Protein backbone atom coordinates (compact mmCIF):
# COMPACT_ATOMS: atom_id res chain seq x y z
CA UNK A 1 -13.16 -29.63 -19.29
CA UNK A 2 -16.64 -27.69 -20.33
CA UNK A 3 -17.02 -26.22 -23.44
CA UNK A 4 -19.79 -23.64 -24.52
CA UNK A 5 -20.38 -22.11 -27.80
CA UNK A 6 -23.01 -19.16 -27.86
CA UNK A 7 -23.93 -15.65 -29.61
CA UNK A 8 -23.79 -12.58 -26.93
CA UNK A 9 -24.65 -8.69 -27.16
CA UNK A 10 -21.75 -7.01 -25.83
CA UNK A 11 -23.28 -4.55 -22.59
CA UNK A 12 -21.49 -2.12 -20.21
CA UNK A 13 -21.65 -1.61 -16.47
CA UNK A 14 -20.65 1.36 -14.91
CA UNK A 15 -19.28 0.93 -11.28
CA UNK A 16 -16.19 2.46 -9.96
CA UNK A 17 -14.71 1.51 -13.05
CA UNK A 18 -16.46 0.68 -16.57
CA UNK A 19 -16.47 -2.68 -17.57
CA UNK A 20 -17.58 -4.84 -20.87
CA UNK A 21 -19.19 -8.03 -20.73
CA UNK A 22 -20.36 -10.53 -22.96
CA UNK A 23 -23.69 -12.11 -20.69
CA UNK A 24 -23.37 -15.74 -20.76
CA UNK A 25 -27.05 -16.90 -22.42
CA UNK A 26 -29.27 -18.64 -19.47
CA UNK A 27 -29.14 -22.15 -21.25
CA UNK A 28 -25.79 -22.15 -20.55
CA UNK A 29 -26.30 -21.50 -16.89
CA UNK A 30 -26.80 -24.79 -15.39
CA UNK A 31 -23.89 -26.49 -16.94
CA UNK A 32 -21.59 -23.71 -15.94
CA UNK A 33 -22.99 -23.99 -12.09
CA UNK A 34 -22.45 -27.49 -12.15
CA UNK A 35 -18.86 -27.29 -12.97
CA UNK A 36 -18.26 -24.18 -10.78
CA UNK A 37 -17.28 -25.95 -7.68
CA UNK A 38 -14.24 -27.89 -9.63
CA UNK A 39 -13.03 -25.17 -11.61
CA UNK A 40 -13.99 -22.17 -8.95
CA UNK A 41 -11.12 -20.31 -6.92
CA UNK A 42 -13.46 -18.82 -4.69
CA UNK A 43 -16.20 -16.11 -4.52
CA UNK A 44 -17.83 -18.08 -7.63
CA UNK A 45 -15.61 -16.39 -9.70
CA UNK A 46 -14.74 -19.24 -12.59
CA UNK A 47 -11.39 -19.34 -14.95
CA UNK A 48 -11.97 -19.51 -18.43
CA UNK A 49 -10.28 -19.80 -22.24
CA UNK A 50 -12.57 -17.62 -24.47
CA UNK A 51 -12.17 -16.84 -28.30
CA UNK A 52 -13.99 -14.37 -30.28
CA UNK A 53 -13.40 -13.60 -33.68
CA UNK A 54 -10.09 -15.38 -33.70
CA UNK A 55 -8.89 -13.58 -30.48
CA UNK A 56 -8.31 -15.87 -27.85
CA UNK A 57 -8.11 -14.82 -24.23
CA UNK A 58 -8.03 -15.65 -20.64
CA UNK A 59 -10.62 -14.56 -18.00
CA UNK A 60 -13.02 -15.14 -15.31
CA UNK A 61 -16.36 -15.39 -15.26
CA UNK A 62 -18.70 -13.44 -12.91
CA UNK A 63 -21.91 -14.51 -11.43
CA UNK A 64 -24.48 -11.81 -11.61
CA UNK A 65 -28.54 -11.95 -11.33
CA UNK A 66 -28.68 -15.15 -11.77
CA UNK A 67 -26.63 -15.47 -15.26
CA UNK A 68 -22.44 -15.61 -15.92
CA UNK A 69 -20.64 -12.60 -17.26
CA UNK A 70 -17.38 -13.14 -19.38
CA UNK A 71 -15.44 -9.66 -19.23
CA UNK A 72 -14.00 -8.00 -22.01
CA UNK A 73 -10.86 -6.36 -21.58
CA UNK A 74 -9.86 -3.20 -23.67
CA UNK A 75 -7.00 -5.20 -25.36
CA UNK A 76 -9.70 -7.55 -26.52
CA UNK A 77 -12.29 -5.24 -27.23
CA UNK A 78 -9.98 -3.24 -29.52
CA UNK A 79 -8.18 -6.35 -31.20
CA UNK A 80 -12.07 -7.27 -32.49
CA UNK A 81 -12.89 -3.37 -32.61
CA UNK A 82 -16.09 -4.15 -30.62
CA UNK A 83 -18.34 -1.85 -28.63
CA UNK A 84 -21.75 -2.03 -26.24
CA UNK A 85 -24.41 -3.44 -28.58
CA UNK A 86 -21.95 -5.35 -30.58
CA UNK A 87 -23.16 -9.22 -31.12
CA UNK A 88 -20.07 -11.47 -30.84
CA UNK A 89 -19.85 -15.33 -31.09
CA UNK A 90 -17.95 -16.98 -28.19
CA UNK A 91 -16.21 -20.00 -28.17
CA UNK A 92 -15.81 -20.78 -24.50
CA UNK A 93 -13.94 -23.24 -22.13
CA UNK A 94 -14.27 -23.43 -18.41
CA UNK A 95 -11.14 -24.77 -16.40
CA UNK A 96 -8.19 -23.69 -14.32
CA UNK A 97 -5.84 -21.52 -16.01
CA UNK A 98 -2.78 -23.77 -17.66
């Protein structure tokens, strides 16, 4: 399993439904890309367990424009009281869901 720690500023992407993400810094992209084939379950989606501010959750990274985006579900954002423009510290482990 690969572990990463990084700081990110929350962004908002307006698609068919609004989505909130913590972009993974470019510096982490090579390591994630190298592990993707071992842990991905298709379409380049990579399962992760992430912890922000003591809140641990599972989700999947999405590739976008050469980097990866960590989705932040409404329940997670509510617990953390964070929104667009807030900076968060993320600890993340890549790997299949347990």
